[in-house]
Amino acid sequence: MAINIADARHVADLARLDLTEQELATYTEQLNQILDYAQELEQVNTDKVEPTYHSVAAGTALREDKAVDFPNQAGILRNGPEVSGTSFVVPRIL
């Protein structure tokens, strides 16, 4: 599949790009090179390659969600402008 100047102009119009004829010619050539490379990649034999979903093995970085007492609760409450018991007092929203 090859891209011509009209196709490149259409894509530029969709992207709201105001390109000169020289820029259109350059981008048309570059887009064709990219498409040629994609077609080349389609020819690679991947029959014995296991499919991957991520480029690196990643595990979950999340910890178990459980409530724990904070050791310096009084220190944190001292930083609030207004405190009631063990809670910050905030303005009403509704």
PDB file of N, CA and C in Angstrom:
ATOM      1  N   MET A   1       0.845  -1.167   0.000  1.00  0.00           N
ATOM      2  CA  MET A   1       0.000   0.000   0.000  1.00  0.00           C
ATOM      3  C   MET A   1       0.892   1.233   0.000  1.00  0.00           C
ATOM      4  N   ALA A   2       0.681   2.096  -0.926  1.00  0.00           N
ATOM      5  CA  ALA A   2       1.479   3.314  -1.017  1.00  0.00           C
ATOM      6  C   ALA A   2       0.595   4.529  -0.763  1.00  0.00           C
ATOM      7  N   ILE A   3       1.201   5.524  -0.177  1.00  0.00           N
ATOM      8  CA  ILE A   3       0.503   6.785   0.095  1.00  0.00           C
ATOM      9  C   ILE A   3       0.911   7.785  -0.979  1.00  0.00           C
ATOM     10  N   ASN A   4      -0.063   8.490  -1.523  1.00  0.00           N
ATOM     11  CA  ASN A   4       0.273   9.529  -2.495  1.00  0.00           C
ATOM     12  C   ASN A   4       0.095  10.901  -1.843  1.00  0.00           C
ATOM     13  N   ILE A   5       0.409  11.941  -2.588  1.00  0.00           N
ATOM     14  CA  ILE A   5       0.336  13.307  -2.061  1.00  0.00           C
ATOM     15  C   ILE A   5      -1.084  13.631  -1.578  1.00  0.00           C
ATOM     16  N   ALA A   6      -2.091  13.166  -2.316  1.00  0.00           N
ATOM     17  CA  ALA A   6      -3.478  13.445  -1.925  1.00  0.00           C
ATOM     18  C   ALA A   6      -3.800  12.812  -0.574  1.00  0.00           C
ATOM     19  N   ASP A   7      -3.311  11.581  -0.347  1.00  0.00           N
ATOM     20  CA  ASP A   7      -3.529  10.924   0.944  1.00  0.00           C
ATOM     21  C   ASP A   7      -2.841  11.702   2.067  1.00  0.00           C
ATOM     22  N   ALA A   8      -1.604  12.112   1.819  1.00  0.00           N
ATOM     23  CA  ALA A   8      -0.856  12.869   2.828  1.00  0.00           C
ATOM     24  C   ALA A   8      -1.543  14.201   3.116  1.00  0.00           C
ATOM     25  N   ARG A   9      -2.056  14.848   2.091  1.00  0.00           N
ATOM     26  CA  ARG A   9      -2.769  16.117   2.272  1.00  0.00           C
ATOM     27  C   ARG A   9      -4.034  15.891   3.109  1.00  0.00           C
ATOM     28  N   HIS A  10      -4.737  14.791   2.841  1.00  0.00           N
ATOM     29  CA  HIS A  10      -5.950  14.471   3.601  1.00  0.00           C
ATOM     30  C   HIS A  10      -5.620  14.255   5.081  1.00  0.00           C
ATOM     31  N   VAL A  11      -4.562  13.509   5.356  1.00  0.00           N
ATOM     32  CA  VAL A  11      -4.155  13.272   6.744  1.00  0.00           C
ATOM     33  C   VAL A  11      -3.755  14.591   7.404  1.00  0.00           C
ATOM     34  N   ALA A  12      -3.023  15.426   6.676  1.00  0.00           N
ATOM     35  CA  ALA A  12      -2.620  16.729   7.213  1.00  0.00           C
ATOM     36  C   ALA A  12      -3.844  17.592   7.509  1.00  0.00           C
ATOM     37  N   ASP A  13      -4.834  17.552   6.628  1.00  0.00           N
ATOM     38  CA  ASP A  13      -6.062  18.321   6.860  1.00  0.00           C
ATOM     39  C   ASP A  13      -6.800  17.820   8.097  1.00  0.00           C
ATOM     40  N   LEU A  14      -6.857  16.500   8.269  1.00  0.00           N
ATOM     41  CA  LEU A  14      -7.509  15.937   9.452  1.00  0.00           C
ATOM     42  C   LEU A  14      -6.799  16.365  10.733  1.00  0.00           C
ATOM     43  N   ALA A  15      -5.470  16.484  10.642  1.00  0.00           N
ATOM     44  CA  ALA A  15      -4.678  16.893  11.804  1.00  0.00           C
ATOM     45  C   ALA A  15      -4.588  18.410  11.925  1.00  0.00           C
ATOM     46  N   ARG A  16      -5.269  19.108  11.036  1.00  0.00           N
ATOM     47  CA  ARG A  16      -5.266  20.573  11.013  1.00  0.00           C
ATOM     48  C   ARG A  16      -3.850  21.129  10.857  1.00  0.00           C
ATOM     49  N   LEU A  17      -3.065  20.493   9.982  1.00  0.00           N
ATOM     50  CA  LEU A  17      -1.707  20.944   9.685  1.00  0.00           C
ATOM     51  C   LEU A  17      -1.707  21.690   8.364  1.00  0.00           C
ATOM     52  N   ASP A  18      -1.071  22.829   8.333  1.00  0.00           N
ATOM     53  CA  ASP A  18      -0.948  23.617   7.114  1.00  0.00           C
ATOM     54  C   ASP A  18       0.455  23.374   6.564  1.00  0.00           C
ATOM     55  N   LEU A  19       0.576  22.459   5.603  1.00  0.00           N
ATOM     56  CA  LEU A  19       1.878  22.054   5.082  1.00  0.00           C
ATOM     57  C   LEU A  19       2.111  22.634   3.695  1.00  0.00           C
ATOM     58  N   THR A  20       3.387  22.935   3.435  1.00  0.00           N
ATOM     59  CA  THR A  20       3.764  23.370   2.092  1.00  0.00           C
ATOM     60  C   THR A  20       3.841  22.152   1.189  1.00  0.00           C
ATOM     61  N   GLU A  21       3.930  22.387  -0.108  1.00  0.00           N
ATOM     62  CA  GLU A  21       4.053  21.269  -1.055  1.00  0.00           C
ATOM     63  C   GLU A  21       5.329  20.484  -0.790  1.00  0.00           C
ATOM     64  N   GLN A  22       6.408  21.163  -0.418  1.00  0.00           N
ATOM     65  CA  GLN A  22       7.670  20.476  -0.112  1.00  0.00           C
ATOM     66  C   GLN A  22       7.504  19.594   1.123  1.00  0.00           C
ATOM     67  N   GLU A  23       6.836  20.107   2.155  1.00  0.00           N
ATOM     68  CA  GLU A  23       6.602  19.311   3.359  1.00  0.00           C
ATOM     69  C   GLU A  23       5.705  18.117   3.050  1.00  0.00           C
ATOM     70  N   LEU A  24       4.690  18.318   2.221  1.00  0.00           N
ATOM     71  CA  LEU A  24       3.827  17.201   1.828  1.00  0.00           C
ATOM     72  C   LEU A  24       4.621  16.124   1.111  1.00  0.00           C
ATOM     73  N   ALA A  25       5.513  16.528   0.223  1.00  0.00           N
ATOM     74  CA  ALA A  25       6.341  15.556  -0.499  1.00  0.00           C
ATOM     75  C   ALA A  25       7.241  14.796   0.469  1.00  0.00           C
ATOM     76  N   THR A  26       7.836  15.522   1.414  1.00  0.00           N
ATOM     77  CA  THR A  26       8.716  14.884   2.400  1.00  0.00           C
ATOM     78  C   THR A  26       7.933  13.898   3.261  1.00  0.00           C
ATOM     79  N   TYR A  27       6.785  14.325   3.773  1.00  0.00           N
ATOM     80  CA  TYR A  27       5.984  13.457   4.629  1.00  0.00           C
ATOM     81  C   TYR A  27       5.424  12.263   3.866  1.00  0.00           C
ATOM     82  N   THR A  28       5.084  12.458   2.605  1.00  0.00           N
ATOM     83  CA  THR A  28       4.603  11.340   1.791  1.00  0.00           C
ATOM     84  C   THR A  28       5.689  10.283   1.666  1.00  0.00           C
ATOM     85  N   GLU A  29       6.912  10.728   1.408  1.00  0.00           N
ATOM     86  CA  GLU A  29       8.038   9.792   1.289  1.00  0.00           C
ATOM     87  C   GLU A  29       8.282   9.081   2.617  1.00  0.00           C
ATOM     88  N   GLN A  30       8.253   9.823   3.714  1.00  0.00           N
ATOM     89  CA  GLN A  30       8.498   9.222   5.025  1.00  0.00           C
ATOM     90  C   GLN A  30       7.392   8.234   5.407  1.00  0.00           C
ATOM     91  N   LEU A  31       6.150   8.584   5.125  1.00  0.00           N
ATOM     92  CA  LEU A  31       5.051   7.661   5.416  1.00  0.00           C
ATOM     93  C   LEU A  31       5.174   6.378   4.603  1.00  0.00           C
ATOM     94  N   ASN A  32       5.586   6.496   3.356  1.00  0.00           N
ATOM     95  CA  ASN A  32       5.781   5.300   2.530  1.00  0.00           C
ATOM     96  C   ASN A  32       6.909   4.435   3.069  1.00  0.00           C
ATOM     97  N   GLN A  33       7.968   5.052   3.583  1.00  0.00           N
ATOM     98  CA  GLN A  33       9.058   4.277   4.179  1.00  0.00           C
ATOM     99  C   GLN A  33       8.566   3.524   5.416  1.00  0.00           C
ATOM    100  N   ILE A  34       7.748   4.177   6.208  1.00  0.00           N
ATOM    101  CA  ILE A  34       7.198   3.526   7.404  1.00  0.00           C
ATOM    102  C   ILE A  34       6.303   2.354   7.016  1.00  0.00           C
ATOM    103  N   LEU A  35       5.449   2.558   6.015  1.00  0.00           N
ATOM    104  CA  LEU A  35       4.570   1.471   5.567  1.00  0.00           C
ATOM    105  C   LEU A  35       5.362   0.324   4.959  1.00  0.00           C
ATOM    106  N   ASP A  36       6.430   0.640   4.214  1.00  0.00           N
ATOM    107  CA  ASP A  36       7.286  -0.413   3.660  1.00  0.00           C
ATOM    108  C   ASP A  36       7.908  -1.235   4.780  1.00  0.00           C
ATOM    109  N   TYR A  37       8.357  -0.569   5.837  1.00  0.00           N
ATOM    110  CA  TYR A  37       8.957  -1.277   6.960  1.00  0.00           C
ATOM    111  C   TYR A  37       7.914  -2.147   7.665  1.00  0.00           C
ATOM    112  N   ALA A  38       6.695  -1.646   7.803  1.00  0.00           N
ATOM    113  CA  ALA A  38       5.631  -2.435   8.429  1.00  0.00           C
ATOM    114  C   ALA A  38       5.330  -3.683   7.605  1.00  0.00           C
ATOM    115  N   GLN A  39       5.331  -3.551   6.279  1.00  0.00           N
ATOM    116  CA  GLN A  39       5.110  -4.718   5.419  1.00  0.00           C
ATOM    117  C   GLN A  39       6.264  -5.709   5.545  1.00  0.00           C
ATOM    118  N   GLU A  40       7.471  -5.181   5.711  1.00  0.00           N
ATOM    119  CA  GLU A  40       8.633  -6.052   5.900  1.00  0.00           C
ATOM    120  C   GLU A  40       8.497  -6.826   7.213  1.00  0.00           C
ATOM    121  N   LEU A  41       8.017  -6.169   8.253  1.00  0.00           N
ATOM    122  CA  LEU A  41       7.830  -6.839   9.542  1.00  0.00           C
ATOM    123  C   LEU A  41       6.755  -7.914   9.470  1.00  0.00           C
ATOM    124  N   GLU A  42       5.752  -7.723   8.629  1.00  0.00           N
ATOM    125  CA  GLU A  42       4.699  -8.725   8.480  1.00  0.00           C
ATOM    126  C   GLU A  42       5.235 -10.031   7.903  1.00  0.00           C
ATOM    127  N   GLN A  43       6.350  -9.979   7.206  1.00  0.00           N
ATOM    128  CA  GLN A  43       6.927 -11.163   6.585  1.00  0.00           C
ATOM    129  C   GLN A  43       7.765 -11.993   7.555  1.00  0.00           C
ATOM    130  N   VAL A  44       8.065 -11.452   8.728  1.00  0.00           N
ATOM    131  CA  VAL A  44       8.900 -12.158   9.695  1.00  0.00           C
ATOM    132  C   VAL A  44       8.134 -13.360  10.234  1.00  0.00           C
ATOM    133  N   ASN A  45       8.804 -14.514  10.265  1.00  0.00           N
ATOM    134  CA  ASN A  45       8.199 -15.739  10.766  1.00  0.00           C
ATOM    135  C   ASN A  45       8.217 -15.711  12.294  1.00  0.00           C
ATOM    136  N   THR A  46       7.057 -15.649  12.885  1.00  0.00           N
ATOM    137  CA  THR A  46       6.943 -15.617  14.346  1.00  0.00           C
ATOM    138  C   THR A  46       6.202 -16.839  14.881  1.00  0.00           C
ATOM    139  N   ASP A  47       6.191 -17.919  14.103  1.00  0.00           N
ATOM    140  CA  ASP A  47       5.447 -19.113  14.505  1.00  0.00           C
ATOM    141  C   ASP A  47       5.921 -19.684  15.834  1.00  0.00           C
ATOM    142  N   LYS A  48       7.224 -19.641  16.096  1.00  0.00           N
ATOM    143  CA  LYS A  48       7.769 -20.244  17.310  1.00  0.00           C
ATOM    144  C   LYS A  48       8.007 -19.216  18.413  1.00  0.00           C
ATOM    145  N   VAL A  49       7.468 -18.040  18.259  1.00  0.00           N
ATOM    146  CA  VAL A  49       7.638 -16.993  19.262  1.00  0.00           C
ATOM    147  C   VAL A  49       6.366 -16.897  20.094  1.00  0.00           C
ATOM    148  N   GLU A  50       6.541 -16.989  21.402  1.00  0.00           N
ATOM    149  CA  GLU A  50       5.389 -16.908  22.293  1.00  0.00           C
ATOM    150  C   GLU A  50       4.875 -15.469  22.326  1.00  0.00           C
ATOM    151  N   PRO A  51       3.573 -15.283  22.204  1.00  0.00           N
ATOM    152  CA  PRO A  51       3.027 -13.923  22.239  1.00  0.00           C
ATOM    153  C   PRO A  51       3.301 -13.243  23.579  1.00  0.00           C
ATOM    154  N   THR A  52       3.567 -11.966  23.534  1.00  0.00           N
ATOM    155  CA  THR A  52       3.776 -11.189  24.754  1.00  0.00           C
ATOM    156  C   THR A  52       2.797 -10.025  24.771  1.00  0.00           C
ATOM    157  N   TYR A  53       2.494  -9.604  25.950  1.00  0.00           N
ATOM    158  CA  TYR A  53       1.580  -8.482  26.113  1.00  0.00           C
ATOM    159  C   TYR A  53       2.294  -7.262  26.664  1.00  0.00           C
ATOM    160  N   HIS A  54       3.453  -7.464  27.281  1.00  0.00           N
ATOM    161  CA  HIS A  54       4.272  -6.380  27.806  1.00  0.00           C
ATOM    162  C   HIS A  54       5.714  -6.663  27.418  1.00  0.00           C
ATOM    163  N   SER A  55       6.474  -5.615  27.226  1.00  0.00           N
ATOM    164  CA  SER A  55       7.863  -5.812  26.822  1.00  0.00           C
ATOM    165  C   SER A  55       8.727  -6.304  27.974  1.00  0.00           C
ATOM    166  N   VAL A  56       8.315  -6.053  29.195  1.00  0.00           N
ATOM    167  CA  VAL A  56       9.060  -6.534  30.355  1.00  0.00           C
ATOM    168  C   VAL A  56       8.094  -7.260  31.285  1.00  0.00           C
ATOM    169  N   ALA A  57       8.624  -8.222  31.995  1.00  0.00           N
ATOM    170  CA  ALA A  57       7.790  -8.936  32.961  1.00  0.00           C
ATOM    171  C   ALA A  57       7.506  -7.995  34.123  1.00  0.00           C
ATOM    172  N   ALA A  58       6.260  -7.782  34.402  1.00  0.00           N
ATOM    173  CA  ALA A  58       5.895  -6.854  35.467  1.00  0.00           C
ATOM    174  C   ALA A  58       4.880  -7.514  36.385  1.00  0.00           C
ATOM    175  N   GLY A  59       5.162  -7.422  37.650  1.00  0.00           N
ATOM    176  CA  GLY A  59       4.213  -7.903  38.634  1.00  0.00           C
ATOM    177  C   GLY A  59       3.471  -6.717  39.211  1.00  0.00           C
ATOM    178  N   THR A  60       2.544  -6.997  40.068  1.00  0.00           N
ATOM    179  CA  THR A  60       1.806  -5.902  40.670  1.00  0.00           C
ATOM    180  C   THR A  60       2.658  -5.219  41.731  1.00  0.00           C
ATOM    181  N   ALA A  61       2.650  -3.922  41.727  1.00  0.00           N
ATOM    182  CA  ALA A  61       3.416  -3.160  42.707  1.00  0.00           C
ATOM    183  C   ALA A  61       2.529  -2.719  43.862  1.00  0.00           C
ATOM    184  N   LEU A  62       1.320  -3.219  43.891  1.00  0.00           N
ATOM    185  CA  LEU A  62       0.387  -2.810  44.924  1.00  0.00           C
ATOM    186  C   LEU A  62       0.495  -3.718  46.139  1.00  0.00           C
ATOM    187  N   ARG A  63       0.268  -3.125  47.286  1.00  0.00           N
ATOM    188  CA  ARG A  63       0.282  -3.915  48.512  1.00  0.00           C
ATOM    189  C   ARG A  63      -1.149  -4.266  48.897  1.00  0.00           C
ATOM    190  N   GLU A  64      -1.283  -5.151  49.818  1.00  0.00           N
ATOM    191  CA  GLU A  64      -2.607  -5.517  50.301  1.00  0.00           C
ATOM    192  C   GLU A  64      -3.246  -4.300  50.969  1.00  0.00           C
ATOM    193  N   ASP A  65      -4.501  -4.078  50.700  1.00  0.00           N
ATOM    194  CA  ASP A  65      -5.210  -2.929  51.253  1.00  0.00           C
ATOM    195  C   ASP A  65      -5.781  -3.307  52.613  1.00  0.00           C
ATOM    196  N   LYS A  66      -5.100  -2.884  53.668  1.00  0.00           N
ATOM    197  CA  LYS A  66      -5.597  -3.172  55.007  1.00  0.00           C
ATOM    198  C   LYS A  66      -5.355  -1.952  55.893  1.00  0.00           C
ATOM    199  N   ALA A  67      -6.256  -1.737  56.813  1.00  0.00           N
ATOM    200  CA  ALA A  67      -6.169  -0.598  57.717  1.00  0.00           C
ATOM    201  C   ALA A  67      -5.110  -0.861  58.775  1.00  0.00           C
ATOM    202  N   VAL A  68      -4.267   0.134  59.016  1.00  0.00           N
ATOM    203  CA  VAL A  68      -3.252   0.042  60.068  1.00  0.00           C
ATOM    204  C   VAL A  68      -3.236   1.370  60.821  1.00  0.00           C
ATOM    205  N   ASP A  69      -2.869   1.310  62.077  1.00  0.00           N
ATOM    206  CA  ASP A  69      -2.747   2.532  62.868  1.00  0.00           C
ATOM    207  C   ASP A  69      -1.466   3.253  62.479  1.00  0.00           C
ATOM    208  N   PHE A  70      -1.570   4.572  62.345  1.00  0.00           N
ATOM    209  CA  PHE A  70      -0.391   5.370  62.020  1.00  0.00           C
ATOM    210  C   PHE A  70       0.314   5.714  63.326  1.00  0.00           C
ATOM    211  N   PRO A  71       1.628   5.501  63.424  1.00  0.00           N
ATOM    212  CA  PRO A  71       2.315   5.682  64.703  1.00  0.00           C
ATOM    213  C   PRO A  71       2.388   7.139  65.174  1.00  0.00           C
ATOM    214  N   ASN A  72       2.345   8.115  64.282  1.00  0.00           N
ATOM    215  CA  ASN A  72       2.498   9.508  64.690  1.00  0.00           C
ATOM    216  C   ASN A  72       1.249  10.310  64.331  1.00  0.00           C
ATOM    217  N   GLN A  73       0.097   9.831  64.738  1.00  0.00           N
ATOM    218  CA  GLN A  73      -1.161  10.490  64.405  1.00  0.00           C
ATOM    219  C   GLN A  73      -1.213  11.898  64.997  1.00  0.00           C
ATOM    220  N   ALA A  74      -0.749  12.069  66.219  1.00  0.00           N
ATOM    221  CA  ALA A  74      -0.781  13.387  66.862  1.00  0.00           C
ATOM    222  C   ALA A  74       0.089  14.378  66.100  1.00  0.00           C
ATOM    223  N   GLY A  75       1.214  13.925  65.583  1.00  0.00           N
ATOM    224  CA  GLY A  75       2.100  14.806  64.818  1.00  0.00           C
ATOM    225  C   GLY A  75       1.444  15.307  63.548  1.00  0.00           C
ATOM    226  N   ILE A  76       0.694  14.449  62.899  1.00  0.00           N
ATOM    227  CA  ILE A  76       0.004  14.852  61.673  1.00  0.00           C
ATOM    228  C   ILE A  76      -1.135  15.809  62.012  1.00  0.00           C
ATOM    229  N   LEU A  77      -1.878  15.517  63.062  1.00  0.00           N
ATOM    230  CA  LEU A  77      -3.004  16.373  63.432  1.00  0.00           C
ATOM    231  C   LEU A  77      -2.545  17.773  63.842  1.00  0.00           C
ATOM    232  N   ARG A  78      -1.330  17.915  64.345  1.00  0.00           N
ATOM    233  CA  ARG A  78      -0.808  19.234  64.707  1.00  0.00           C
ATOM    234  C   ARG A  78      -0.660  20.133  63.477  1.00  0.00           C
ATOM    235  N   ASN A  79      -0.523  19.559  62.290  1.00  0.00           N
ATOM    236  CA  ASN A  79      -0.341  20.341  61.066  1.00  0.00           C
ATOM    237  C   ASN A  79      -1.650  20.874  60.501  1.00  0.00           C
ATOM    238  N   GLY A  80      -2.767  20.402  60.979  1.00  0.00           N
ATOM    239  CA  GLY A  80      -4.057  20.843  60.450  1.00  0.00           C
ATOM    240  C   GLY A  80      -4.497  22.159  61.064  1.00  0.00           C
ATOM    241  N   PRO A  81      -5.193  22.999  60.301  1.00  0.00           N
ATOM    242  CA  PRO A  81      -5.645  24.280  60.844  1.00  0.00           C
ATOM    243  C   PRO A  81      -6.742  24.123  61.906  1.00  0.00           C
ATOM    244  N   GLU A  82      -7.589  23.093  61.745  1.00  0.00           N
ATOM    245  CA  GLU A  82      -8.658  22.858  62.721  1.00  0.00           C
ATOM    246  C   GLU A  82      -8.862  21.355  62.861  1.00  0.00           C
ATOM    247  N   VAL A  83      -8.846  20.899  64.108  1.00  0.00           N
ATOM    248  CA  VAL A  83      -8.938  19.464  64.380  1.00  0.00           C
ATOM    249  C   VAL A  83     -10.065  19.231  65.374  1.00  0.00           C
ATOM    250  N   SER A  84     -10.772  18.118  65.180  1.00  0.00           N
ATOM    251  CA  SER A  84     -11.806  17.709  66.122  1.00  0.00           C
ATOM    252  C   SER A  84     -11.557  16.247  66.458  1.00  0.00           C
ATOM    253  N   GLY A  85     -11.059  15.999  67.647  1.00  0.00           N
ATOM    254  CA  GLY A  85     -10.743  14.624  68.034  1.00  0.00           C
ATOM    255  C   GLY A  85      -9.579  14.099  67.212  1.00  0.00           C
ATOM    256  N   THR A  86      -9.854  13.066  66.414  1.00  0.00           N
ATOM    257  CA  THR A  86      -8.800  12.479  65.576  1.00  0.00           C
ATOM    258  C   THR A  86      -9.030  12.774  64.098  1.00  0.00           C
ATOM    259  N   SER A  87      -9.756  13.869  63.812  1.00  0.00           N
ATOM    260  CA  SER A  87     -10.077  14.194  62.417  1.00  0.00           C
ATOM    261  C   SER A  87      -9.796  15.663  62.131  1.00  0.00           C
ATOM    262  N   PHE A  88      -9.528  15.956  60.877  1.00  0.00           N
ATOM    263  CA  PHE A  88      -9.413  17.334  60.420  1.00  0.00           C
ATOM    264  C   PHE A  88     -10.810  17.883  60.168  1.00  0.00           C
ATOM    265  N   VAL A  89     -11.030  19.140  60.490  1.00  0.00           N
ATOM    266  CA  VAL A  89     -12.289  19.811  60.194  1.00  0.00           C
ATOM    267  C   VAL A  89     -12.094  20.562  58.882  1.00  0.00           C
ATOM    268  N   VAL A  90     -12.991  20.313  57.933  1.00  0.00           N
ATOM    269  CA  VAL A  90     -12.896  20.945  56.612  1.00  0.00           C
ATOM    270  C   VAL A  90     -14.203  21.665  56.310  1.00  0.00           C
ATOM    271  N   PRO A  91     -14.188  22.638  55.399  1.00  0.00           N
ATOM    272  CA  PRO A  91     -15.423  23.352  55.069  1.00  0.00           C
ATOM    273  C   PRO A  91     -16.448  22.432  54.419  1.00  0.00           C
ATOM    274  N   ARG A  92     -17.726  22.752  54.640  1.00  0.00           N
ATOM    275  CA  ARG A  92     -18.805  22.017  53.989  1.00  0.00           C
ATOM    276  C   ARG A  92     -18.788  22.307  52.505  1.00  0.00           C
ATOM    277  N   ILE A  93     -19.048  21.291  51.717  1.00  0.00           N
ATOM    278  CA  ILE A  93     -19.082  21.460  50.267  1.00  0.00           C
ATOM    279  C   ILE A  93     -20.510  21.487  49.773  1.00  0.00           C
ATOM    280  N   LEU A  94     -21.348  20.632  50.286  1.00  0.00           N
ATOM    281  CA  LEU A  94     -22.743  20.574  49.839  1.00  0.00           C
ATOM    282  C   LEU A  94     -23.666  21.202  50.845  1.00  0.00           C
TER     283      LEU A  94
END
